[in-house]
Amino acid sequence: MIPNQWYPILETKEVGNDKPVGVRRMGENLVLWRDLDGNLVCQGARCPHKGANLGDGRMKGNTIECPYHGLRYGTDGACKAIPALGTGARIPASLRVPVHPVREAHGLVWLWWGDQRAELPDVQIAPEVADNPLLHWTMHWPRPVHYTRYIESVLEFYHITFVHRDHWFNYIDYALLYGTPRKFGLDGRERYLSATKVANSRFETDGQTLRYSFDGQDENDPANSSHYDVTFTFPCQVHIKNDQFEVTSWLSPIDEHNTEHILRWYEYPNAKPFLRSPSLRLLLPRLSLYMEKWIQDIQDVRVMEGQEPKVTGRGVNKFIQVDELNAKYVAMRDRLIQEARAGAAAPAAAERTPVAPSAAGVPGVLPGGRAAAPAEPKPRRGGGKGTAVTAVRKTG
């Protein structure tokens, strides 16, 4: 994972004030809950007493109660009560859970994965998402693939002709999205399968946001063309818009082998004159999400599960001319990881006690990984309530 970034981990509405919610993200088990004032709390889910998962516990006032022995932890991570020792017992200072900085924005809960900082940066949301006025519906689900391969797949669309051609439900997609009215949509599959050429592509970089536009075109019939605008914002947000649909994906790491796909589908503007009620207009995005979850996305994941190596990076792929967005993503991801590593190494070098060369030799550079696929730094969590802890995850 790229350190010093905000990662979306679930929808805001999923965390209520009646019970904790346990999730696994960034290679760690986490528990989220709200205090009596409705403030969101995110903590490490492992009870330090005997390792039970606090996500299976319950709320007790402004504390979360361990399901095993009833130890209760406050919003600052410190243990507040040990029932077995009775009221007024001395509680060891070591009985505490890590508290992780989180924010709520645009309907999602965002987790800070990075160094301790006095002030944390704003959550990065591209204006295509932040200022989008359309109604939308959001769902999420896990998949057994590394998040880099998932992002790589969503960033390009010239695979869809070959991956999504055979399932019976795709014929409905062809007819509604690619068929022509004069043939009642029956020419949709033929038009869809013939538009394999990537044409008229444009690419630009805006800080940590990458924008790429292109036409999926029939080489023998340029009029059979679909225009796509793809916007990627680090670490894991992809926004896609074309004439037929508009979606936003967040590919959030669960761990080194699994990814949570948070997908937001926007209303179809062409349906607005016919479906005046917002609730009715949301039916189509909800149907599209179910279709994506159970059909198209599964087809993509089957291919991704067979990819080698499991993690993308510099030197892994032989990119072709139309992979400009993929190539830039890989290069920038590598650079952001290197920058985070350099930032983490500088304080460590300053704190290191000098050793005489005669005793230990000349100090060298801290070991990293290969330049093509660098080992990622171990970020420290901080900036929220309670005591920060050091994460000990190393990923591809």
Protein backbone atom coordinates (compact mmCIF):
# COMPACT_ATOMS: atom_id res chain seq x y z
CA MET A 1 0.00 0.00 0.00
CA ILE A 2 1.12 3.58 -0.60
CA PRO A 3 1.73 5.27 2.77
CA ASN A 4 0.58 8.75 3.72
CA GLN A 5 -2.75 8.48 1.94
CA TRP A 6 -6.43 8.40 2.88
CA TYR A 7 -8.08 5.07 2.00
CA PRO A 8 -11.86 4.56 1.92
CA ILE A 9 -12.79 1.51 3.95
CA LEU A 10 -16.61 1.36 4.02
CA GLU A 11 -19.75 3.48 3.77
CA THR A 12 -20.51 5.99 6.52
CA LYS A 13 -24.06 4.69 6.95
CA GLU A 14 -22.73 1.27 7.94
CA VAL A 15 -21.39 2.53 11.28
CA GLY A 16 -24.21 3.19 13.70
CA ASN A 17 -24.23 3.89 17.44
CA ASP A 18 -25.77 0.59 18.51
CA LYS A 19 -22.97 -1.90 17.81
CA PRO A 20 -19.36 -1.96 16.59
CA VAL A 21 -18.43 -2.86 13.03
CA GLY A 22 -15.42 -5.06 12.39
CA VAL A 23 -13.53 -4.88 9.08
CA ARG A 24 -10.16 -5.94 7.76
CA ARG A 25 -8.28 -3.25 5.83
CA MET A 26 -4.63 -2.52 5.07
CA GLY A 27 -3.70 -5.92 6.46
CA GLU A 28 -5.15 -5.19 9.91
CA ASN A 29 -8.35 -6.05 11.72
CA LEU A 30 -10.15 -2.85 12.68
CA VAL A 31 -13.24 -1.99 14.69
CA LEU A 32 -15.36 1.11 14.10
CA TRP A 33 -18.01 2.55 16.41
CA ARG A 34 -19.55 5.84 17.49
CA ASP A 35 -19.39 7.46 20.91
CA LEU A 36 -22.45 8.93 22.63
CA ASP A 37 -22.02 12.18 20.68
CA GLY A 38 -21.97 10.35 17.35
CA ASN A 39 -18.25 10.82 16.77
CA LEU A 40 -16.64 8.09 14.70
CA VAL A 41 -13.94 5.97 16.35
CA CYS A 42 -11.59 3.53 14.58
CA GLN A 43 -9.34 1.24 16.60
CA GLY A 44 -7.29 -1.90 16.26
CA ALA A 45 -9.69 -4.80 16.79
CA ARG A 46 -7.36 -7.06 18.78
CA CYS A 47 -7.98 -6.98 22.52
CA PRO A 48 -4.49 -6.90 24.09
CA HIS A 49 -5.67 -9.09 26.99
CA LYS A 50 -6.07 -12.40 25.11
CA GLY A 51 -6.49 -11.41 21.50
CA ALA A 52 -10.27 -11.50 21.05
CA ASN A 53 -11.76 -9.45 18.21
CA LEU A 54 -13.47 -6.30 19.48
CA GLY A 55 -15.56 -6.24 16.33
CA ASP A 56 -17.58 -9.03 17.96
CA GLY A 57 -18.10 -6.99 21.13
CA ARG A 58 -20.78 -4.51 22.18
CA MET A 59 -21.18 -0.87 23.13
CA LYS A 60 -21.12 0.25 26.76
CA GLY A 61 -21.60 4.00 26.99
CA ASN A 62 -18.48 5.66 25.58
CA THR A 63 -16.57 2.38 25.52
CA ILE A 64 -16.43 -0.81 23.50
CA GLU A 65 -16.63 -4.07 25.44
CA CYS A 66 -14.54 -7.12 24.61
CA PRO A 67 -16.73 -10.18 23.89
CA TYR A 68 -14.38 -12.52 25.78
CA HIS A 69 -13.85 -11.08 29.28
CA GLY A 70 -15.70 -7.75 29.19
CA LEU A 71 -12.69 -5.42 29.27
CA ARG A 72 -13.84 -1.99 28.08
CA TYR A 73 -11.82 0.47 25.98
CA GLY A 74 -12.54 4.17 25.58
CA THR A 75 -12.27 6.47 22.59
CA ASP A 76 -8.62 7.18 23.47
CA GLY A 77 -7.78 3.46 23.31
CA ALA A 78 -7.13 3.06 27.03
CA CYS A 79 -8.76 0.28 29.03
CA LYS A 80 -11.41 1.75 31.32
CA ALA A 81 -12.71 -1.33 33.16
CA ILE A 82 -11.74 -4.93 33.96
CA PRO A 83 -14.78 -6.70 35.45
CA ALA A 84 -12.68 -9.55 36.88
CA LEU A 85 -10.74 -7.07 39.04
CA GLY A 86 -13.77 -5.17 40.26
CA THR A 87 -14.50 -1.46 40.52
CA GLY A 88 -11.55 0.79 41.35
CA ALA A 89 -8.88 -1.76 40.40
CA ARG A 90 -5.55 -0.53 39.04
CA ILE A 91 -5.56 -0.97 35.27
CA PRO A 92 -2.19 -1.59 33.59
CA ALA A 93 -1.23 1.19 31.16
CA SER A 94 -0.29 -1.44 28.59
CA LEU A 95 -3.95 -2.46 28.25
CA ARG A 96 -4.85 -0.20 25.36
CA VAL A 97 -5.74 -0.51 21.69
CA PRO A 98 -4.37 1.66 18.87
CA VAL A 99 -6.58 4.49 17.66
CA HIS A 100 -6.50 5.26 13.94
CA PRO A 101 -7.40 8.61 12.35
CA VAL A 102 -10.57 8.47 10.28
CA ARG A 103 -12.73 11.01 8.48
CA GLU A 104 -16.17 10.93 6.94
CA ALA A 105 -16.51 12.47 3.49
CA HIS A 106 -18.75 11.92 0.46
CA GLY A 107 -20.61 9.08 2.12
CA LEU A 108 -17.48 7.07 2.93
CA VAL A 109 -15.24 6.45 5.93
CA TRP A 110 -11.60 7.27 5.16
CA LEU A 111 -8.66 5.77 7.08
CA TRP A 112 -5.30 7.55 7.26
CA TRP A 113 -2.51 5.09 6.48
CA GLY A 114 0.74 6.89 7.16
CA ASP A 115 3.08 8.76 9.45
CA GLN A 116 2.14 10.63 12.59
CA ARG A 117 1.43 14.26 11.74
CA ALA A 118 0.23 17.25 13.71
CA GLU A 119 -2.12 18.08 10.85
CA LEU A 120 -3.37 15.59 8.30
CA PRO A 121 -4.03 16.57 4.68
CA ASP A 122 -7.50 16.75 3.22
CA VAL A 123 -9.07 13.68 1.68
CA GLN A 124 -8.37 13.77 -2.05
CA ILE A 125 -11.52 13.61 -4.14
CA ALA A 126 -11.48 14.55 -7.82
CA PRO A 127 -14.07 17.21 -8.72
CA GLU A 128 -15.69 14.70 -11.08
CA VAL A 129 -16.80 12.93 -7.89
CA ALA A 130 -16.89 15.68 -5.26
CA ASP A 131 -19.04 18.02 -7.36
CA ASN A 132 -21.15 15.42 -9.12
CA PRO A 133 -24.84 16.43 -8.84
CA LEU A 134 -26.30 13.12 -10.00
CA LEU A 135 -28.16 10.75 -7.70
CA HIS A 136 -26.19 7.61 -6.98
CA TRP A 137 -26.18 4.30 -5.15
CA THR A 138 -23.16 2.60 -3.60
CA MET A 139 -22.30 -1.04 -2.88
CA HIS A 140 -19.09 -2.84 -1.97
CA TRP A 141 -17.74 -6.37 -1.97
CA PRO A 142 -14.42 -8.20 -1.50
CA ARG A 143 -12.44 -9.94 -4.24
CA PRO A 144 -9.37 -12.24 -3.92
CA VAL A 145 -6.97 -10.13 -5.99
CA HIS A 146 -4.26 -7.58 -5.16
CA TYR A 147 -5.52 -4.03 -5.39
CA THR A 148 -2.87 -3.00 -7.95
CA ARG A 149 -4.12 -5.54 -10.47
CA TYR A 150 -7.69 -4.48 -9.77
CA ILE A 151 -6.86 -0.82 -10.42
CA GLU A 152 -4.94 -1.76 -13.53
CA SER A 153 -8.02 -3.53 -14.90
CA VAL A 154 -10.42 -0.67 -14.19
CA LEU A 155 -8.11 1.92 -15.73
CA GLU A 156 -8.50 0.51 -19.25
CA PHE A 157 -11.50 -0.56 -21.26
CA TYR A 158 -10.17 -2.30 -24.32
CA HIS A 159 -10.36 -5.62 -22.45
CA ILE A 160 -14.15 -5.54 -22.16
CA THR A 161 -14.80 -6.76 -25.70
CA PHE A 162 -12.97 -9.99 -24.93
CA VAL A 163 -13.89 -10.57 -21.28
CA HIS A 164 -17.62 -9.76 -21.35
CA ARG A 165 -18.81 -11.24 -24.61
CA ASP A 166 -20.38 -14.56 -23.66
CA HIS A 167 -22.61 -14.31 -20.58
CA TRP A 168 -26.32 -14.31 -21.42
CA PHE A 169 -27.01 -11.23 -19.27
CA ASN A 170 -24.49 -9.22 -21.24
CA TYR A 171 -26.86 -9.36 -24.20
CA ILE A 172 -29.19 -7.06 -22.26
CA ASP A 173 -26.25 -4.71 -21.72
CA TYR A 174 -25.46 -4.79 -25.43
CA ALA A 175 -29.04 -4.07 -26.47
CA LEU A 176 -29.64 -1.20 -24.03
CA LEU A 177 -26.25 0.50 -24.17
CA TYR A 178 -24.86 -0.17 -27.63
CA GLY A 179 -27.81 -1.11 -29.86
CA THR A 180 -29.38 1.39 -32.24
CA PRO A 181 -33.08 2.33 -32.01
CA ARG A 182 -33.67 1.65 -35.70
CA LYS A 183 -32.79 -2.00 -35.11
CA PHE A 184 -34.47 -2.15 -31.68
CA GLY A 185 -31.14 -2.79 -30.00
CA LEU A 186 -30.67 -6.16 -31.70
CA ASP A 187 -27.42 -4.97 -33.29
CA GLY A 188 -25.93 -4.15 -29.87
CA ARG A 189 -23.71 -7.22 -29.53
CA GLU A 190 -22.29 -6.87 -33.02
CA ARG A 191 -21.55 -3.18 -32.52
CA TYR A 192 -20.06 -3.86 -29.08
CA LEU A 193 -17.72 -6.61 -30.24
CA SER A 194 -16.47 -4.73 -33.27
CA ALA A 195 -15.44 -1.55 -31.43
CA THR A 196 -11.99 -2.80 -30.39
CA LYS A 197 -9.70 0.02 -31.47
CA VAL A 198 -8.56 2.72 -29.03
CA ALA A 199 -8.55 6.05 -30.86
CA ASN A 200 -8.28 9.78 -30.14
CA SER A 201 -6.66 9.30 -26.74
CA ARG A 202 -5.57 12.17 -24.52
CA PHE A 203 -3.67 12.09 -21.22
CA GLU A 204 -2.92 14.69 -18.55
CA THR A 205 -1.56 14.80 -15.01
CA ASP A 206 -2.92 17.05 -12.27
CA GLY A 207 -1.00 16.46 -9.04
CA GLN A 208 -2.05 13.01 -7.84
CA THR A 209 -4.92 12.89 -10.33
CA LEU A 210 -4.51 11.34 -13.79
CA ARG A 211 -7.01 11.94 -16.60
CA TYR A 212 -7.31 9.87 -19.75
CA SER A 213 -9.91 10.06 -22.52
CA PHE A 214 -10.31 7.90 -25.60
CA ASP A 215 -12.78 6.45 -28.07
CA GLY A 216 -13.55 2.74 -28.29
CA GLN A 217 -13.99 2.58 -32.04
CA ASP A 218 -14.89 0.20 -34.85
CA GLU A 219 -11.95 0.45 -37.24
CA ASN A 220 -14.18 -0.28 -40.25
CA ASP A 221 -16.98 2.02 -39.09
CA PRO A 222 -15.67 5.03 -37.11
CA ALA A 223 -19.25 6.12 -36.48
CA ASN A 224 -19.59 3.08 -34.21
CA SER A 225 -17.70 4.65 -31.35
CA SER A 226 -18.03 5.17 -27.59
CA HIS A 227 -16.17 7.96 -25.80
CA TYR A 228 -14.68 7.33 -22.33
CA ASP A 229 -13.32 9.73 -19.72
CA VAL A 230 -11.28 7.98 -17.01
CA THR A 231 -10.08 9.92 -13.95
CA PHE A 232 -7.77 8.26 -11.42
CA THR A 233 -6.89 9.86 -8.07
CA PHE A 234 -4.35 8.23 -5.78
CA PRO A 235 -4.36 6.02 -3.94
CA CYS A 236 -7.30 4.04 -5.36
CA GLN A 237 -10.15 6.10 -6.87
CA VAL A 238 -11.28 5.58 -10.47
CA HIS A 239 -14.08 7.63 -12.05
CA ILE A 240 -15.43 6.53 -15.43
CA LYS A 241 -17.89 8.40 -17.62
CA ASN A 242 -19.16 7.70 -21.10
CA ASP A 243 -22.35 8.26 -23.05
CA GLN A 244 -24.03 5.23 -21.51
CA PHE A 245 -23.08 5.28 -17.80
CA GLU A 246 -21.07 6.96 -15.04
CA VAL A 247 -19.42 5.18 -12.09
CA THR A 248 -16.81 5.67 -9.38
CA SER A 249 -14.71 2.79 -8.05
CA TRP A 250 -12.53 2.73 -4.97
CA LEU A 251 -10.23 -0.31 -4.83
CA SER A 252 -9.27 -0.42 -1.16
CA PRO A 253 -6.72 -2.97 0.12
CA ILE A 254 -7.99 -5.57 2.58
CA ASP A 255 -4.55 -7.17 2.76
CA GLU A 256 -1.85 -8.39 0.40
CA HIS A 257 -4.20 -10.82 -1.32
CA ASN A 258 -7.67 -9.24 -1.19
CA THR A 259 -9.36 -5.99 -2.20
CA GLU A 260 -12.62 -4.30 -1.24
CA HIS A 261 -14.33 -2.87 -4.31
CA ILE A 262 -16.49 0.13 -3.37
CA LEU A 263 -18.57 0.99 -6.44
CA ARG A 264 -20.83 4.00 -6.86
CA TRP A 265 -23.25 4.03 -9.81
CA TYR A 266 -24.88 7.28 -10.89
CA GLU A 267 -28.37 7.72 -12.24
CA TYR A 268 -28.99 7.58 -15.98
CA PRO A 269 -29.82 11.17 -17.04
CA ASN A 270 -31.80 9.93 -20.05
CA ALA A 271 -34.25 8.26 -17.66
CA LYS A 272 -34.99 11.45 -15.73
CA PRO A 273 -37.87 12.62 -17.99
CA PHE A 274 -39.61 9.27 -17.54
CA LEU A 275 -38.82 8.63 -13.86
CA ARG A 276 -39.66 11.78 -11.95
CA SER A 277 -39.27 10.27 -8.48
CA PRO A 278 -35.68 10.09 -7.15
CA SER A 279 -36.38 6.69 -5.58
CA LEU A 280 -37.48 5.34 -8.96
CA ARG A 281 -34.47 6.83 -10.71
CA LEU A 282 -32.21 5.01 -8.25
CA LEU A 283 -33.65 1.65 -9.22
CA LEU A 284 -31.58 1.52 -12.40
CA PRO A 285 -28.24 2.24 -10.66
CA ARG A 286 -29.06 -0.41 -8.05
CA LEU A 287 -29.84 -2.94 -10.76
CA SER A 288 -26.62 -2.02 -12.56
CA LEU A 289 -24.63 -2.53 -9.35
CA TYR A 290 -26.09 -5.99 -8.79
CA MET A 291 -25.32 -6.89 -12.40
CA GLU A 292 -21.76 -5.61 -11.99
CA LYS A 293 -21.23 -7.46 -8.71
CA TRP A 294 -22.57 -10.83 -9.84
CA ILE A 295 -21.69 -10.86 -13.54
CA GLN A 296 -19.23 -8.39 -15.10
CA ASP A 297 -16.95 -7.94 -12.10
CA ILE A 298 -16.73 -11.69 -11.55
CA GLN A 299 -15.68 -12.11 -15.18
CA ASP A 300 -12.88 -9.58 -14.70
CA VAL A 301 -11.74 -11.14 -11.43
CA ARG A 302 -11.46 -14.60 -12.99
CA VAL A 303 -8.88 -13.20 -15.40
CA MET A 304 -7.08 -11.25 -12.67
CA GLU A 305 -6.80 -14.34 -10.48
CA GLY A 306 -4.77 -15.98 -13.22
CA GLN A 307 -2.36 -13.08 -13.69
CA GLU A 308 1.31 -13.49 -12.79
CA PRO A 309 2.82 -11.93 -10.83
CA LYS A 310 -0.05 -11.07 -8.51
CA VAL A 311 1.18 -7.51 -7.94
CA THR A 312 1.78 -5.07 -10.76
CA GLY A 313 4.77 -2.75 -10.82
CA ARG A 314 7.60 -1.41 -12.91
CA GLY A 315 9.07 -4.03 -15.20
CA VAL A 316 6.14 -6.42 -14.69
CA ASN A 317 4.13 -5.60 -17.84
CA LYS A 318 5.06 -4.99 -21.46
CA PHE A 319 2.84 -1.99 -22.04
CA ILE A 320 1.62 -1.01 -25.50
CA GLN A 321 0.86 2.48 -26.80
CA VAL A 322 -2.69 2.59 -25.40
CA ASP A 323 -1.52 1.74 -21.87
CA GLU A 324 -0.38 5.27 -21.10
CA LEU A 325 -2.66 5.62 -18.08
CA ASN A 326 -1.62 2.22 -16.68
CA ALA A 327 2.06 3.04 -17.16
CA LYS A 328 1.73 6.40 -15.44
CA TYR A 329 -0.14 4.82 -12.53
CA VAL A 330 2.64 2.26 -12.01
CA ALA A 331 5.37 4.91 -12.24
CA MET A 332 3.65 7.36 -9.87
CA ARG A 333 2.82 4.62 -7.38
CA ASP A 334 6.49 3.67 -7.33
CA ARG A 335 7.50 7.30 -6.83
CA LEU A 336 5.03 7.89 -3.98
CA ILE A 337 6.28 4.78 -2.21
CA GLN A 338 9.91 5.90 -2.62
CA GLU A 339 9.07 9.36 -1.29
CA ALA A 340 7.30 7.89 1.73
CA ARG A 341 10.27 5.62 2.38
CA ALA A 342 12.69 8.54 2.18
CA GLY A 343 10.56 10.54 4.59
CA ALA A 344 10.40 7.65 7.05
CA ALA A 345 14.14 6.95 6.79
CA ALA A 346 15.22 10.54 7.49
CA PRO A 347 14.00 10.69 11.14
CA ALA A 348 15.35 7.20 11.74
CA ALA A 349 18.78 8.22 10.45
CA ALA A 350 18.76 11.33 12.64
CA GLU A 351 17.96 9.29 15.74
CA ARG A 352 20.52 6.54 15.02
CA THR A 353 23.47 6.47 17.43
CA PRO A 354 26.77 6.88 15.53
CA VAL A 355 29.07 3.85 15.55
CA ALA A 356 32.83 4.13 15.07
CA PRO A 357 33.95 2.75 11.70
CA SER A 358 36.61 0.64 13.35
CA ALA A 359 33.93 -1.18 15.33
CA ALA A 360 31.11 -1.56 12.89
CA GLY A 361 32.29 -0.33 9.48
CA VAL A 362 30.92 2.58 7.55
CA PRO A 363 27.16 2.91 7.99
CA GLY A 364 25.27 2.12 4.80
CA VAL A 365 21.90 2.90 3.38
CA LEU A 366 18.93 1.16 4.92
CA PRO A 367 18.01 -1.82 2.73
CA GLY A 368 15.04 -1.41 0.41
CA GLY A 369 13.65 -3.65 -2.30
CA ARG A 370 14.35 -3.89 -5.98
CA ALA A 371 13.97 -0.60 -7.80
CA ALA A 372 11.42 -2.14 -10.14
CA ALA A 373 9.14 -3.26 -7.31
CA PRO A 374 10.25 -1.54 -4.09
CA ALA A 375 9.38 -2.87 -0.67
CA GLU A 376 6.89 -0.49 0.83
CA PRO A 377 7.71 1.40 4.02
CA LYS A 378 6.10 0.63 7.32
CA PRO A 379 3.97 3.67 8.04
CA ARG A 380 3.20 4.91 11.50
CA ARG A 381 -0.38 5.69 12.34
CA GLY A 382 -1.11 8.96 14.04
CA GLY A 383 -2.90 12.24 14.08
CA GLY A 384 -6.00 11.00 15.88
CA LYS A 385 -6.95 10.36 19.45
CA GLY A 386 -4.84 8.25 21.75
CA THR A 387 -1.34 6.86 21.30
CA ALA A 388 -0.09 6.16 17.80
CA VAL A 389 1.38 2.78 16.95
CA THR A 390 3.67 1.53 14.22
CA ALA A 391 2.16 -0.62 11.50
CA VAL A 392 4.19 -3.68 10.59
CA ARG A 393 2.84 -4.53 7.17
CA LYS A 394 4.99 -5.05 4.07
CA THR A 395 3.15 -5.38 0.80
CA GLY A 396 3.75 -5.65 -2.88
